[in-house]
Amino acid sequence: SRSFRVGECQVALDDIKPVHKEWRAGARLVIGGLQSSKMRHLNGHIVHVCEHRRHGHPCFVQPSNGRKDKLTLCVRLDEPIPDHATA
């Protein structure tokens, strides 16, 4: 898992230095590493990073179990996926 908690802080944009461009809005990615039976059919598909309609990019989502917010990227598939249950 790539999740970890650093704590709370406030920084100015001048204090932030980009490390990589893979998560920028508009970037194209290949899905990989999904292991659950409900999600692994998505492995190998090309997506692009997009903004969440209401929360922008990136967004923070609070899980329903009440745990801490998680940094989340929204992605859109480049091509529709056929129904994997019948394909």
N, C-alpha and C. Protein backbone atom coordinates (compact mmCIF):
# COMPACT_ATOMS: atom_id res chain seq x y z
N SER A 1 0.84 -1.18 0.00
CA SER A 1 0.00 0.00 0.00
C SER A 1 0.88 1.24 0.00
N ARG A 2 0.46 2.25 -0.72
CA ARG A 2 1.22 3.49 -0.78
C ARG A 2 0.64 4.55 0.15
N SER A 3 -0.06 4.13 1.19
CA SER A 3 -0.68 5.11 2.07
C SER A 3 0.10 5.24 3.37
N PHE A 4 0.19 6.46 3.86
CA PHE A 4 0.82 6.73 5.13
C PHE A 4 0.35 8.07 5.63
N ARG A 5 0.50 8.30 6.91
CA ARG A 5 0.05 9.55 7.51
C ARG A 5 1.27 10.34 7.95
N VAL A 6 1.30 11.60 7.56
CA VAL A 6 2.41 12.46 7.91
C VAL A 6 2.03 13.36 9.07
N GLY A 7 0.79 13.77 9.14
CA GLY A 7 0.36 14.71 10.15
C GLY A 7 -0.23 15.94 9.48
N GLU A 8 -0.51 16.94 10.25
CA GLU A 8 -1.09 18.15 9.68
C GLU A 8 -0.02 19.22 9.54
N CYS A 9 -0.08 19.93 8.44
CA CYS A 9 0.82 21.05 8.24
C CYS A 9 0.22 21.97 7.20
N GLN A 10 0.68 23.19 7.16
CA GLN A 10 0.27 24.14 6.14
C GLN A 10 1.52 24.58 5.40
N VAL A 11 1.46 24.51 4.09
CA VAL A 11 2.61 24.90 3.28
C VAL A 11 2.15 25.86 2.19
N ALA A 12 3.06 26.69 1.78
CA ALA A 12 2.81 27.58 0.65
C ALA A 12 3.20 26.84 -0.62
N LEU A 13 2.59 27.20 -1.74
CA LEU A 13 2.92 26.54 -3.00
C LEU A 13 4.40 26.68 -3.34
N ASP A 14 5.04 27.76 -2.88
CA ASP A 14 6.46 27.95 -3.11
C ASP A 14 7.30 26.90 -2.40
N ASP A 15 6.74 26.29 -1.36
CA ASP A 15 7.47 25.29 -0.58
C ASP A 15 7.38 23.89 -1.18
N ILE A 16 6.54 23.72 -2.18
CA ILE A 16 6.31 22.40 -2.76
C ILE A 16 7.16 22.24 -4.02
N LYS A 17 7.87 21.13 -4.09
CA LYS A 17 8.70 20.86 -5.26
C LYS A 17 8.18 19.58 -5.92
N PRO A 18 7.82 19.63 -7.21
CA PRO A 18 7.31 18.42 -7.87
C PRO A 18 8.37 17.34 -7.93
N VAL A 19 7.96 16.11 -7.66
CA VAL A 19 8.87 14.97 -7.70
C VAL A 19 8.68 14.19 -8.99
N HIS A 20 7.46 14.02 -9.40
CA HIS A 20 7.15 13.34 -10.65
C HIS A 20 5.86 13.89 -11.23
N LYS A 21 5.54 13.51 -12.46
CA LYS A 21 4.38 14.05 -13.15
C LYS A 21 3.27 13.02 -13.34
N GLU A 22 3.45 11.81 -12.84
CA GLU A 22 2.49 10.74 -13.12
C GLU A 22 1.08 11.02 -12.62
N TRP A 23 0.93 11.78 -11.55
CA TRP A 23 -0.39 12.00 -10.97
C TRP A 23 -1.01 13.32 -11.42
N ARG A 24 -0.41 14.03 -12.33
CA ARG A 24 -0.98 15.29 -12.78
C ARG A 24 -2.26 15.05 -13.58
N ALA A 25 -3.21 15.97 -13.47
CA ALA A 25 -4.44 15.87 -14.24
C ALA A 25 -4.09 15.80 -15.72
N GLY A 26 -4.69 14.85 -16.42
CA GLY A 26 -4.42 14.66 -17.84
C GLY A 26 -3.38 13.59 -18.14
N ALA A 27 -2.61 13.18 -17.13
CA ALA A 27 -1.58 12.15 -17.33
C ALA A 27 -2.24 10.81 -17.68
N ARG A 28 -1.62 10.07 -18.58
CA ARG A 28 -2.12 8.74 -18.94
C ARG A 28 -1.35 7.69 -18.15
N LEU A 29 -2.07 6.72 -17.61
CA LEU A 29 -1.50 5.67 -16.79
C LEU A 29 -2.03 4.32 -17.24
N VAL A 30 -1.34 3.26 -16.86
CA VAL A 30 -1.81 1.90 -17.07
C VAL A 30 -2.12 1.33 -15.69
N ILE A 31 -3.32 0.79 -15.54
CA ILE A 31 -3.72 0.20 -14.27
C ILE A 31 -2.98 -1.12 -14.09
N GLY A 32 -2.48 -1.35 -12.89
CA GLY A 32 -1.80 -2.60 -12.60
C GLY A 32 -1.77 -2.85 -11.10
N GLY A 33 -1.66 -4.09 -10.72
CA GLY A 33 -1.53 -4.45 -9.31
C GLY A 33 -2.83 -4.67 -8.57
N LEU A 34 -3.97 -4.53 -9.25
CA LEU A 34 -5.24 -4.78 -8.56
C LEU A 34 -5.40 -6.28 -8.37
N GLN A 35 -5.75 -6.69 -7.15
CA GLN A 35 -5.79 -8.11 -6.83
C GLN A 35 -7.17 -8.64 -6.49
N SER A 36 -8.11 -7.77 -6.13
CA SER A 36 -9.43 -8.28 -5.74
C SER A 36 -10.16 -8.82 -6.97
N SER A 37 -11.00 -9.81 -6.75
CA SER A 37 -11.73 -10.42 -7.86
C SER A 37 -12.65 -9.43 -8.56
N LYS A 38 -13.10 -8.40 -7.85
CA LYS A 38 -13.99 -7.40 -8.44
C LYS A 38 -13.24 -6.36 -9.26
N MET A 39 -11.93 -6.23 -9.06
CA MET A 39 -11.18 -5.15 -9.70
C MET A 39 -10.08 -5.62 -10.65
N ARG A 40 -9.61 -6.85 -10.54
CA ARG A 40 -8.43 -7.24 -11.31
C ARG A 40 -8.66 -7.26 -12.82
N HIS A 41 -9.90 -7.29 -13.29
CA HIS A 41 -10.16 -7.23 -14.73
C HIS A 41 -9.76 -5.87 -15.32
N LEU A 42 -9.52 -4.87 -14.46
CA LEU A 42 -9.10 -3.56 -14.91
C LEU A 42 -7.59 -3.48 -15.18
N ASN A 43 -6.81 -4.42 -14.66
CA ASN A 43 -5.36 -4.41 -14.87
C ASN A 43 -5.05 -4.39 -16.36
N GLY A 44 -4.11 -3.54 -16.74
CA GLY A 44 -3.70 -3.43 -18.14
C GLY A 44 -4.46 -2.39 -18.94
N HIS A 45 -5.52 -1.85 -18.40
CA HIS A 45 -6.29 -0.83 -19.13
C HIS A 45 -5.65 0.54 -18.97
N ILE A 46 -5.75 1.34 -20.01
CA ILE A 46 -5.20 2.70 -20.01
C ILE A 46 -6.25 3.67 -19.50
N VAL A 47 -5.83 4.55 -18.59
CA VAL A 47 -6.72 5.57 -18.02
C VAL A 47 -6.00 6.91 -18.07
N HIS A 48 -6.75 7.97 -17.87
CA HIS A 48 -6.10 9.26 -17.66
C HIS A 48 -6.64 9.89 -16.38
N VAL A 49 -5.75 10.59 -15.70
CA VAL A 49 -6.09 11.23 -14.43
C VAL A 49 -6.98 12.43 -14.73
N CYS A 50 -8.09 12.53 -14.00
CA CYS A 50 -9.02 13.64 -14.23
C CYS A 50 -9.43 14.24 -12.89
N GLU A 51 -10.06 15.39 -12.95
CA GLU A 51 -10.54 16.05 -11.74
C GLU A 51 -11.88 15.46 -11.31
N HIS A 52 -12.07 15.34 -10.01
CA HIS A 52 -13.37 14.95 -9.48
C HIS A 52 -14.33 16.11 -9.71
N ARG A 53 -15.56 15.82 -10.08
CA ARG A 53 -16.52 16.87 -10.44
C ARG A 53 -16.72 17.91 -9.34
N ARG A 54 -16.78 17.48 -8.10
CA ARG A 54 -17.04 18.42 -7.01
C ARG A 54 -15.80 18.76 -6.20
N HIS A 55 -14.87 17.82 -6.08
CA HIS A 55 -13.75 18.00 -5.15
C HIS A 55 -12.43 18.36 -5.81
N GLY A 56 -12.37 18.42 -7.14
CA GLY A 56 -11.15 18.81 -7.81
C GLY A 56 -10.11 17.69 -7.86
N HIS A 57 -8.85 18.09 -8.00
CA HIS A 57 -7.76 17.13 -8.11
C HIS A 57 -6.56 17.62 -7.34
N PRO A 58 -5.91 16.81 -6.57
CA PRO A 58 -6.43 15.52 -6.10
C PRO A 58 -7.51 15.78 -5.06
N CYS A 59 -8.20 14.74 -4.65
CA CYS A 59 -9.23 14.92 -3.64
C CYS A 59 -8.98 13.98 -2.47
N PHE A 60 -9.57 14.31 -1.36
CA PHE A 60 -9.46 13.49 -0.17
C PHE A 60 -10.82 12.90 0.14
N VAL A 61 -10.86 11.59 0.32
CA VAL A 61 -12.11 10.87 0.56
C VAL A 61 -12.08 10.28 1.96
N GLN A 62 -13.18 10.45 2.69
CA GLN A 62 -13.26 9.85 4.02
C GLN A 62 -13.97 8.52 3.90
N PRO A 63 -13.29 7.43 4.25
CA PRO A 63 -13.91 6.11 4.17
C PRO A 63 -15.14 6.03 5.09
N SER A 64 -16.07 5.17 4.72
CA SER A 64 -17.31 5.04 5.51
C SER A 64 -17.04 4.47 6.90
N ASN A 65 -15.88 3.82 7.10
CA ASN A 65 -15.58 3.25 8.42
C ASN A 65 -15.08 4.30 9.40
N GLY A 66 -15.02 5.58 8.97
CA GLY A 66 -14.66 6.66 9.87
C GLY A 66 -13.16 6.87 10.03
N ARG A 67 -12.34 6.14 9.31
CA ARG A 67 -10.89 6.33 9.40
C ARG A 67 -10.49 7.66 8.77
N LYS A 68 -9.22 7.95 8.82
CA LYS A 68 -8.70 9.22 8.28
C LYS A 68 -8.94 9.33 6.78
N ASP A 69 -9.03 10.56 6.30
CA ASP A 69 -9.19 10.80 4.87
C ASP A 69 -8.05 10.18 4.08
N LYS A 70 -8.34 9.76 2.85
CA LYS A 70 -7.33 9.18 1.98
C LYS A 70 -7.19 10.05 0.74
N LEU A 71 -5.94 10.28 0.35
CA LEU A 71 -5.66 10.98 -0.89
C LEU A 71 -6.12 10.08 -2.02
N THR A 72 -6.93 10.63 -2.93
CA THR A 72 -7.53 9.83 -3.99
C THR A 72 -7.35 10.50 -5.34
N LEU A 73 -7.04 9.71 -6.33
CA LEU A 73 -6.97 10.19 -7.70
C LEU A 73 -8.17 9.66 -8.45
N CYS A 74 -8.80 10.49 -9.24
CA CYS A 74 -9.88 10.04 -10.10
C CYS A 74 -9.29 9.75 -11.47
N VAL A 75 -9.69 8.64 -12.06
CA VAL A 75 -9.22 8.30 -13.39
C VAL A 75 -10.41 7.97 -14.27
N ARG A 76 -10.22 8.17 -15.57
CA ARG A 76 -11.27 7.85 -16.55
C ARG A 76 -10.65 6.89 -17.56
N LEU A 77 -11.37 5.80 -17.82
CA LEU A 77 -10.91 4.83 -18.80
C LEU A 77 -10.91 5.43 -20.20
N ASP A 78 -9.85 5.14 -20.96
CA ASP A 78 -9.80 5.63 -22.34
C ASP A 78 -10.82 4.91 -23.23
N GLU A 79 -11.05 3.63 -22.95
CA GLU A 79 -12.03 2.86 -23.72
C GLU A 79 -12.96 2.14 -22.75
N PRO A 80 -14.23 2.01 -23.13
CA PRO A 80 -15.16 1.30 -22.23
C PRO A 80 -14.75 -0.16 -22.09
N ILE A 81 -15.07 -0.72 -20.94
CA ILE A 81 -14.75 -2.12 -20.68
C ILE A 81 -16.00 -2.95 -20.90
N PRO A 82 -15.89 -4.02 -21.71
CA PRO A 82 -17.06 -4.89 -21.89
C PRO A 82 -17.42 -5.55 -20.56
N ASP A 83 -18.65 -5.94 -20.43
CA ASP A 83 -19.11 -6.62 -19.21
C ASP A 83 -18.26 -7.86 -18.99
N HIS A 84 -17.37 -7.81 -17.98
CA HIS A 84 -16.44 -8.92 -17.77
C HIS A 84 -17.13 -10.17 -17.23
N ALA A 85 -18.34 -10.02 -16.71
CA ALA A 85 -19.06 -11.19 -16.21
C ALA A 85 -19.53 -12.08 -17.35
N THR A 86 -19.79 -11.50 -18.53
CA THR A 86 -20.29 -12.28 -19.65
C THR A 86 -19.27 -12.42 -20.78
N ALA A 87 -18.19 -11.61 -20.70
CA ALA A 87 -17.21 -11.64 -21.80
C ALA A 87 -16.26 -12.81 -21.67
